[in-house]
Amino acid sequence: MPTIDSDQLRYLAQKRGEQFRVLIVDDEQWVREVFRDFCRLTEAFDVELAETGVEAIRKVKANRYDLITLDLIMPEMSGVEALSAIKALAPGTPVVVITGNATEKLVREAGIQGACRVMYKPVMLEEFVTEITSTLVR
């Protein structure tokens, strides 16, 4: 699949008349902020952050997103539980799972619940941008 550069991504956002809305869900603040900063490298993304699955579900109930990134291992509510609830609320929204230490069983369960892709931490900038942009434009 060809790589989409930031100019092309900005053009796609302009063509659709609005930025791509992305929700980043991770219990680690520094991870949320790094992924947000990755997205801000272009003007194509409007990014919101959520620390927990419960917060993510609340945001999905109130807003429409073009893409959600979701950690699998979080306190309070697992990423798989959050994914199931998110897909029930917004079945067409692609969810990219980003995990550092989930078991293969959890990763398989995330796929069953509707995750479209899985990325493993540590995630490099180019890999992150390539994955989310290719997910958005397919």
N, C-alpha and C. Protein backbone atom coordinates (compact mmCIF):
# COMPACT_ATOMS: atom_id res chain seq x y z
N MET A 1 0.84 -1.17 0.00
CA MET A 1 0.00 0.00 0.00
C MET A 1 0.89 1.24 0.00
N PRO A 2 0.63 2.22 -0.88
CA PRO A 2 1.45 3.40 -0.93
C PRO A 2 1.30 4.24 0.33
N THR A 3 2.36 4.91 0.70
CA THR A 3 2.35 5.77 1.87
C THR A 3 1.72 7.11 1.51
N ILE A 4 0.91 7.63 2.40
CA ILE A 4 0.29 8.93 2.20
C ILE A 4 1.08 9.94 3.02
N ASP A 5 1.59 10.99 2.37
CA ASP A 5 2.36 11.97 3.12
C ASP A 5 1.42 13.02 3.74
N SER A 6 1.98 13.87 4.57
CA SER A 6 1.17 14.83 5.31
C SER A 6 0.47 15.83 4.39
N ASP A 7 1.07 16.18 3.26
CA ASP A 7 0.41 17.09 2.31
C ASP A 7 -0.84 16.43 1.73
N GLN A 8 -0.73 15.16 1.38
CA GLN A 8 -1.89 14.44 0.85
C GLN A 8 -2.98 14.32 1.90
N LEU A 9 -2.58 14.08 3.14
CA LEU A 9 -3.54 13.95 4.23
C LEU A 9 -4.27 15.27 4.47
N ARG A 10 -3.53 16.37 4.45
CA ARG A 10 -4.16 17.70 4.59
C ARG A 10 -5.13 17.94 3.44
N TYR A 11 -4.74 17.55 2.22
CA TYR A 11 -5.61 17.71 1.07
C TYR A 11 -6.90 16.92 1.25
N LEU A 12 -6.80 15.67 1.73
CA LEU A 12 -7.99 14.85 1.94
C LEU A 12 -8.91 15.47 2.98
N ALA A 13 -8.34 16.02 4.05
CA ALA A 13 -9.16 16.68 5.08
C ALA A 13 -9.83 17.92 4.51
N GLN A 14 -9.09 18.70 3.72
CA GLN A 14 -9.68 19.89 3.10
C GLN A 14 -10.79 19.50 2.13
N LYS A 15 -10.56 18.45 1.36
CA LYS A 15 -11.54 18.00 0.38
C LYS A 15 -12.85 17.59 1.06
N ARG A 16 -12.74 16.95 2.21
CA ARG A 16 -13.95 16.53 2.91
C ARG A 16 -14.56 17.67 3.71
N GLY A 17 -13.84 18.79 3.83
CA GLY A 17 -14.37 19.98 4.49
C GLY A 17 -14.20 20.01 6.00
N GLU A 18 -13.50 19.06 6.55
CA GLU A 18 -13.24 19.04 7.98
C GLU A 18 -12.07 18.11 8.29
N GLN A 19 -11.49 18.31 9.44
CA GLN A 19 -10.40 17.45 9.88
C GLN A 19 -10.95 16.06 10.21
N PHE A 20 -10.05 15.08 10.19
CA PHE A 20 -10.41 13.75 10.66
C PHE A 20 -10.44 13.80 12.18
N ARG A 21 -11.53 13.31 12.76
CA ARG A 21 -11.67 13.30 14.22
C ARG A 21 -11.14 11.99 14.77
N VAL A 22 -10.16 12.08 15.67
CA VAL A 22 -9.51 10.90 16.23
C VAL A 22 -9.62 10.95 17.75
N LEU A 23 -9.96 9.80 18.34
CA LEU A 23 -9.97 9.65 19.79
C LEU A 23 -8.86 8.68 20.17
N ILE A 24 -7.97 9.12 21.04
CA ILE A 24 -6.86 8.29 21.50
C ILE A 24 -7.13 7.89 22.95
N VAL A 25 -7.19 6.57 23.18
CA VAL A 25 -7.54 6.05 24.50
C VAL A 25 -6.36 5.24 25.04
N ASP A 26 -5.78 5.72 26.13
CA ASP A 26 -4.67 5.01 26.77
C ASP A 26 -4.59 5.49 28.21
N ASP A 27 -4.31 4.59 29.13
CA ASP A 27 -4.24 4.98 30.54
C ASP A 27 -2.94 5.71 30.89
N GLU A 28 -1.96 5.66 30.02
CA GLU A 28 -0.70 6.35 30.28
C GLU A 28 -0.71 7.72 29.59
N GLN A 29 -0.57 8.77 30.40
CA GLN A 29 -0.64 10.13 29.88
C GLN A 29 0.40 10.38 28.80
N TRP A 30 1.64 9.96 29.01
CA TRP A 30 2.69 10.24 28.04
C TRP A 30 2.40 9.57 26.70
N VAL A 31 1.77 8.40 26.71
CA VAL A 31 1.41 7.72 25.46
C VAL A 31 0.34 8.53 24.72
N ARG A 32 -0.69 8.94 25.45
CA ARG A 32 -1.74 9.76 24.83
C ARG A 32 -1.14 11.01 24.20
N GLU A 33 -0.26 11.66 24.93
CA GLU A 33 0.31 12.92 24.44
C GLU A 33 1.23 12.71 23.25
N VAL A 34 2.01 11.64 23.24
CA VAL A 34 2.88 11.35 22.09
C VAL A 34 2.04 11.08 20.85
N PHE A 35 1.00 10.25 20.97
CA PHE A 35 0.15 9.97 19.82
C PHE A 35 -0.59 11.22 19.35
N ARG A 36 -1.03 12.05 20.30
CA ARG A 36 -1.66 13.32 19.92
C ARG A 36 -0.68 14.19 19.15
N ASP A 37 0.55 14.26 19.64
CA ASP A 37 1.57 15.07 18.96
C ASP A 37 1.89 14.51 17.58
N PHE A 38 1.90 13.18 17.43
CA PHE A 38 2.08 12.58 16.10
C PHE A 38 0.99 13.08 15.16
N CYS A 39 -0.26 13.06 15.64
CA CYS A 39 -1.38 13.50 14.80
C CYS A 39 -1.30 14.98 14.46
N ARG A 40 -0.78 15.76 15.36
CA ARG A 40 -0.71 17.21 15.14
C ARG A 40 0.39 17.61 14.17
N LEU A 41 1.19 16.66 13.72
CA LEU A 41 2.22 16.99 12.74
C LEU A 41 1.61 17.46 11.42
N THR A 42 0.35 17.12 11.20
CA THR A 42 -0.38 17.67 10.06
C THR A 42 -1.56 18.44 10.62
N GLU A 43 -2.22 19.18 9.78
CA GLU A 43 -3.42 19.89 10.19
C GLU A 43 -4.66 19.08 9.86
N ALA A 44 -4.48 17.80 9.59
CA ALA A 44 -5.58 16.95 9.13
C ALA A 44 -6.38 16.32 10.25
N PHE A 45 -5.90 16.41 11.50
CA PHE A 45 -6.55 15.71 12.60
C PHE A 45 -7.04 16.65 13.69
N ASP A 46 -8.24 16.36 14.17
CA ASP A 46 -8.78 16.96 15.38
C ASP A 46 -8.74 15.83 16.41
N VAL A 47 -7.91 15.96 17.44
CA VAL A 47 -7.64 14.86 18.36
C VAL A 47 -8.25 15.12 19.72
N GLU A 48 -8.90 14.10 20.26
CA GLU A 48 -9.36 14.11 21.64
C GLU A 48 -8.70 12.94 22.35
N LEU A 49 -8.58 13.07 23.68
CA LEU A 49 -7.92 12.05 24.48
C LEU A 49 -8.87 11.50 25.53
N ALA A 50 -8.69 10.22 25.87
CA ALA A 50 -9.43 9.60 26.96
C ALA A 50 -8.46 8.71 27.73
N GLU A 51 -8.57 8.75 29.05
CA GLU A 51 -7.67 7.99 29.91
C GLU A 51 -8.18 6.59 30.21
N THR A 52 -9.50 6.40 30.17
CA THR A 52 -10.09 5.11 30.53
C THR A 52 -11.12 4.68 29.48
N GLY A 53 -11.47 3.42 29.55
CA GLY A 53 -12.53 2.92 28.69
C GLY A 53 -13.86 3.60 28.96
N VAL A 54 -14.15 3.84 30.23
CA VAL A 54 -15.39 4.51 30.62
C VAL A 54 -15.45 5.91 30.01
N GLU A 55 -14.35 6.64 30.09
CA GLU A 55 -14.30 7.98 29.50
C GLU A 55 -14.44 7.91 27.98
N ALA A 56 -13.82 6.92 27.36
CA ALA A 56 -13.93 6.76 25.90
C ALA A 56 -15.37 6.50 25.49
N ILE A 57 -16.05 5.64 26.20
CA ILE A 57 -17.45 5.33 25.89
C ILE A 57 -18.31 6.59 26.02
N ARG A 58 -18.08 7.36 27.07
CA ARG A 58 -18.82 8.60 27.26
C ARG A 58 -18.59 9.56 26.08
N LYS A 59 -17.34 9.65 25.62
CA LYS A 59 -17.03 10.53 24.49
C LYS A 59 -17.66 10.02 23.19
N VAL A 60 -17.66 8.70 22.99
CA VAL A 60 -18.25 8.14 21.77
C VAL A 60 -19.77 8.35 21.77
N LYS A 61 -20.39 8.31 22.94
CA LYS A 61 -21.83 8.60 23.02
C LYS A 61 -22.13 10.03 22.60
N ALA A 62 -21.22 10.95 22.91
CA ALA A 62 -21.46 12.38 22.68
C ALA A 62 -20.90 12.91 21.36
N ASN A 63 -19.99 12.18 20.72
CA ASN A 63 -19.29 12.70 19.54
C ASN A 63 -19.16 11.62 18.47
N ARG A 64 -18.89 12.08 17.26
CA ARG A 64 -18.60 11.18 16.15
C ARG A 64 -17.10 11.23 15.89
N TYR A 65 -16.49 10.07 15.73
CA TYR A 65 -15.06 9.99 15.43
C TYR A 65 -14.85 9.23 14.13
N ASP A 66 -13.80 9.62 13.42
CA ASP A 66 -13.43 8.90 12.20
C ASP A 66 -12.55 7.70 12.51
N LEU A 67 -11.88 7.74 13.66
CA LEU A 67 -10.96 6.67 14.06
C LEU A 67 -10.72 6.74 15.55
N ILE A 68 -10.57 5.58 16.17
CA ILE A 68 -10.25 5.51 17.60
C ILE A 68 -9.05 4.59 17.76
N THR A 69 -8.07 5.03 18.56
CA THR A 69 -6.98 4.13 18.95
C THR A 69 -7.26 3.74 20.39
N LEU A 70 -7.00 2.48 20.73
CA LEU A 70 -7.41 1.96 22.02
C LEU A 70 -6.38 1.00 22.59
N ASP A 71 -5.94 1.29 23.80
CA ASP A 71 -5.05 0.39 24.53
C ASP A 71 -5.90 -0.78 25.05
N LEU A 72 -5.33 -1.96 25.14
CA LEU A 72 -6.07 -3.12 25.63
C LEU A 72 -5.97 -3.30 27.14
N ILE A 73 -4.83 -2.96 27.72
CA ILE A 73 -4.63 -3.17 29.15
C ILE A 73 -4.79 -1.84 29.87
N MET A 74 -5.95 -1.67 30.51
CA MET A 74 -6.23 -0.45 31.26
C MET A 74 -6.95 -0.82 32.56
N PRO A 75 -6.78 0.00 33.59
CA PRO A 75 -7.52 -0.25 34.83
C PRO A 75 -9.00 0.11 34.65
N GLU A 76 -9.81 -0.33 35.55
CA GLU A 76 -11.23 0.03 35.60
C GLU A 76 -12.06 -0.77 34.61
N MET A 77 -11.67 -0.76 33.35
CA MET A 77 -12.39 -1.49 32.31
C MET A 77 -11.36 -1.92 31.27
N SER A 78 -11.40 -3.17 30.88
CA SER A 78 -10.42 -3.64 29.90
C SER A 78 -10.69 -3.00 28.54
N GLY A 79 -9.66 -2.97 27.72
CA GLY A 79 -9.82 -2.46 26.37
C GLY A 79 -10.80 -3.26 25.56
N VAL A 80 -10.87 -4.58 25.78
CA VAL A 80 -11.81 -5.42 25.05
C VAL A 80 -13.24 -5.06 25.43
N GLU A 81 -13.49 -4.82 26.72
CA GLU A 81 -14.84 -4.40 27.15
C GLU A 81 -15.20 -3.05 26.55
N ALA A 82 -14.24 -2.13 26.57
CA ALA A 82 -14.47 -0.81 25.99
C ALA A 82 -14.72 -0.92 24.49
N LEU A 83 -13.94 -1.75 23.82
CA LEU A 83 -14.10 -1.95 22.38
C LEU A 83 -15.49 -2.47 22.05
N SER A 84 -15.96 -3.44 22.80
CA SER A 84 -17.30 -4.00 22.58
C SER A 84 -18.37 -2.91 22.71
N ALA A 85 -18.26 -2.08 23.75
CA ALA A 85 -19.24 -1.01 23.96
C ALA A 85 -19.14 0.05 22.87
N ILE A 86 -17.92 0.39 22.47
CA ILE A 86 -17.71 1.38 21.42
C ILE A 86 -18.30 0.90 20.10
N LYS A 87 -18.07 -0.36 19.75
CA LYS A 87 -18.59 -0.90 18.49
C LYS A 87 -20.11 -0.98 18.51
N ALA A 88 -20.70 -1.17 19.68
CA ALA A 88 -22.16 -1.16 19.79
C ALA A 88 -22.72 0.25 19.54
N LEU A 89 -22.00 1.26 19.99
CA LEU A 89 -22.41 2.65 19.82
C LEU A 89 -22.09 3.19 18.42
N ALA A 90 -20.95 2.80 17.89
CA ALA A 90 -20.47 3.35 16.61
C ALA A 90 -19.88 2.21 15.78
N PRO A 91 -20.73 1.33 15.25
CA PRO A 91 -20.23 0.13 14.59
C PRO A 91 -19.35 0.39 13.37
N GLY A 92 -19.51 1.51 12.71
CA GLY A 92 -18.72 1.80 11.52
C GLY A 92 -17.40 2.49 11.78
N THR A 93 -17.15 2.86 13.02
CA THR A 93 -15.92 3.58 13.35
C THR A 93 -14.76 2.60 13.48
N PRO A 94 -13.71 2.78 12.71
CA PRO A 94 -12.55 1.88 12.85
C PRO A 94 -11.83 2.11 14.18
N VAL A 95 -11.47 0.99 14.81
CA VAL A 95 -10.73 1.03 16.07
C VAL A 95 -9.42 0.31 15.88
N VAL A 96 -8.32 1.02 16.10
CA VAL A 96 -6.98 0.46 16.02
C VAL A 96 -6.51 0.19 17.44
N VAL A 97 -6.23 -1.06 17.74
CA VAL A 97 -5.73 -1.43 19.05
C VAL A 97 -4.23 -1.20 19.07
N ILE A 98 -3.77 -0.54 20.13
CA ILE A 98 -2.34 -0.32 20.32
C ILE A 98 -1.99 -0.85 21.71
N THR A 99 -1.15 -1.87 21.76
CA THR A 99 -0.88 -2.52 23.03
C THR A 99 0.60 -2.83 23.20
N GLY A 100 1.01 -2.89 24.44
CA GLY A 100 2.40 -3.19 24.73
C GLY A 100 2.62 -4.57 25.30
N ASN A 101 1.59 -5.08 25.97
CA ASN A 101 1.82 -6.35 26.65
C ASN A 101 0.58 -7.25 26.72
N ALA A 102 -0.32 -7.11 25.79
CA ALA A 102 -1.51 -7.96 25.77
C ALA A 102 -1.15 -9.37 25.31
N THR A 103 -1.88 -10.33 25.82
CA THR A 103 -1.69 -11.71 25.38
C THR A 103 -2.30 -11.90 24.00
N GLU A 104 -1.87 -12.94 23.32
CA GLU A 104 -2.46 -13.24 22.00
C GLU A 104 -3.97 -13.50 22.13
N LYS A 105 -4.38 -14.10 23.24
CA LYS A 105 -5.80 -14.33 23.48
C LYS A 105 -6.57 -13.01 23.49
N LEU A 106 -6.03 -12.01 24.20
CA LEU A 106 -6.68 -10.69 24.24
C LEU A 106 -6.70 -10.04 22.86
N VAL A 107 -5.61 -10.16 22.14
CA VAL A 107 -5.54 -9.58 20.79
C VAL A 107 -6.58 -10.25 19.88
N ARG A 108 -6.69 -11.57 19.96
CA ARG A 108 -7.72 -12.28 19.17
C ARG A 108 -9.12 -11.81 19.55
N GLU A 109 -9.36 -11.66 20.85
CA GLU A 109 -10.67 -11.20 21.32
C GLU A 109 -10.97 -9.80 20.80
N ALA A 110 -9.96 -8.94 20.76
CA ALA A 110 -10.14 -7.59 20.21
C ALA A 110 -10.55 -7.67 18.74
N GLY A 111 -9.94 -8.60 18.00
CA GLY A 111 -10.33 -8.79 16.60
C GLY A 111 -11.76 -9.26 16.48
N ILE A 112 -12.16 -10.17 17.34
CA ILE A 112 -13.54 -10.66 17.33
C ILE A 112 -14.51 -9.53 17.65
N GLN A 113 -14.12 -8.65 18.55
CA GLN A 113 -14.99 -7.54 18.95
C GLN A 113 -15.01 -6.40 17.92
N GLY A 114 -14.15 -6.46 16.92
CA GLY A 114 -14.25 -5.48 15.85
C GLY A 114 -13.05 -4.58 15.62
N ALA A 115 -11.93 -4.82 16.30
CA ALA A 115 -10.74 -4.01 16.02
C ALA A 115 -10.30 -4.26 14.58
N CYS A 116 -9.93 -3.21 13.87
CA CYS A 116 -9.55 -3.38 12.47
C CYS A 116 -8.05 -3.62 12.30
N ARG A 117 -7.25 -3.21 13.27
CA ARG A 117 -5.80 -3.38 13.22
C ARG A 117 -5.25 -3.46 14.64
N VAL A 118 -4.07 -4.06 14.75
CA VAL A 118 -3.37 -4.12 16.03
C VAL A 118 -1.94 -3.63 15.80
N MET A 119 -1.50 -2.75 16.68
CA MET A 119 -0.12 -2.27 16.65
C MET A 119 0.49 -2.57 18.02
N TYR A 120 1.77 -2.87 18.02
CA TYR A 120 2.44 -3.20 19.27
C TYR A 120 3.41 -2.09 19.66
N LYS A 121 3.33 -1.67 20.94
CA LYS A 121 4.25 -0.67 21.48
C LYS A 121 5.62 -1.31 21.65
N PRO A 122 6.68 -0.57 21.45
CA PRO A 122 6.69 0.85 21.12
C PRO A 122 6.36 1.06 19.64
N VAL A 123 5.59 2.09 19.39
CA VAL A 123 5.15 2.44 18.04
C VAL A 123 5.97 3.63 17.57
N MET A 124 6.55 3.50 16.41
CA MET A 124 7.34 4.58 15.83
C MET A 124 6.42 5.55 15.08
N LEU A 125 6.84 6.79 14.97
CA LEU A 125 6.05 7.83 14.33
C LEU A 125 5.56 7.42 12.95
N GLU A 126 6.47 6.99 12.10
CA GLU A 126 6.09 6.65 10.73
C GLU A 126 5.07 5.52 10.69
N GLU A 127 5.28 4.51 11.52
CA GLU A 127 4.35 3.38 11.59
C GLU A 127 2.97 3.84 12.05
N PHE A 128 2.92 4.69 13.08
CA PHE A 128 1.65 5.19 13.61
C PHE A 128 0.89 5.97 12.54
N VAL A 129 1.56 6.92 11.93
CA VAL A 129 0.91 7.76 10.92
C VAL A 129 0.47 6.92 9.72
N THR A 130 1.31 6.00 9.28
CA THR A 130 0.94 5.13 8.15
C THR A 130 -0.30 4.30 8.47
N GLU A 131 -0.33 3.71 9.65
CA GLU A 131 -1.47 2.87 10.03
C GLU A 131 -2.76 3.67 10.14
N ILE A 132 -2.72 4.81 10.81
CA ILE A 132 -3.99 5.52 10.96
C ILE A 132 -4.45 6.16 9.65
N THR A 133 -3.51 6.63 8.84
CA THR A 133 -3.94 7.23 7.58
C THR A 133 -4.45 6.15 6.62
N SER A 134 -3.80 5.00 6.57
CA SER A 134 -4.29 3.95 5.66
C SER A 134 -5.65 3.43 6.14
N THR A 135 -5.88 3.43 7.43
CA THR A 135 -7.18 3.03 7.95
C THR A 135 -8.24 4.06 7.58
N LEU A 136 -7.91 5.32 7.65
CA LEU A 136 -8.88 6.38 7.35
C LEU A 136 -9.25 6.45 5.88
N VAL A 137 -8.32 6.17 4.99
CA VAL A 137 -8.58 6.37 3.57
C VAL A 137 -9.04 5.11 2.83
N ARG A 138 -9.17 4.03 3.52
CA ARG A 138 -9.64 2.84 2.79
C ARG A 138 -11.13 2.80 2.70
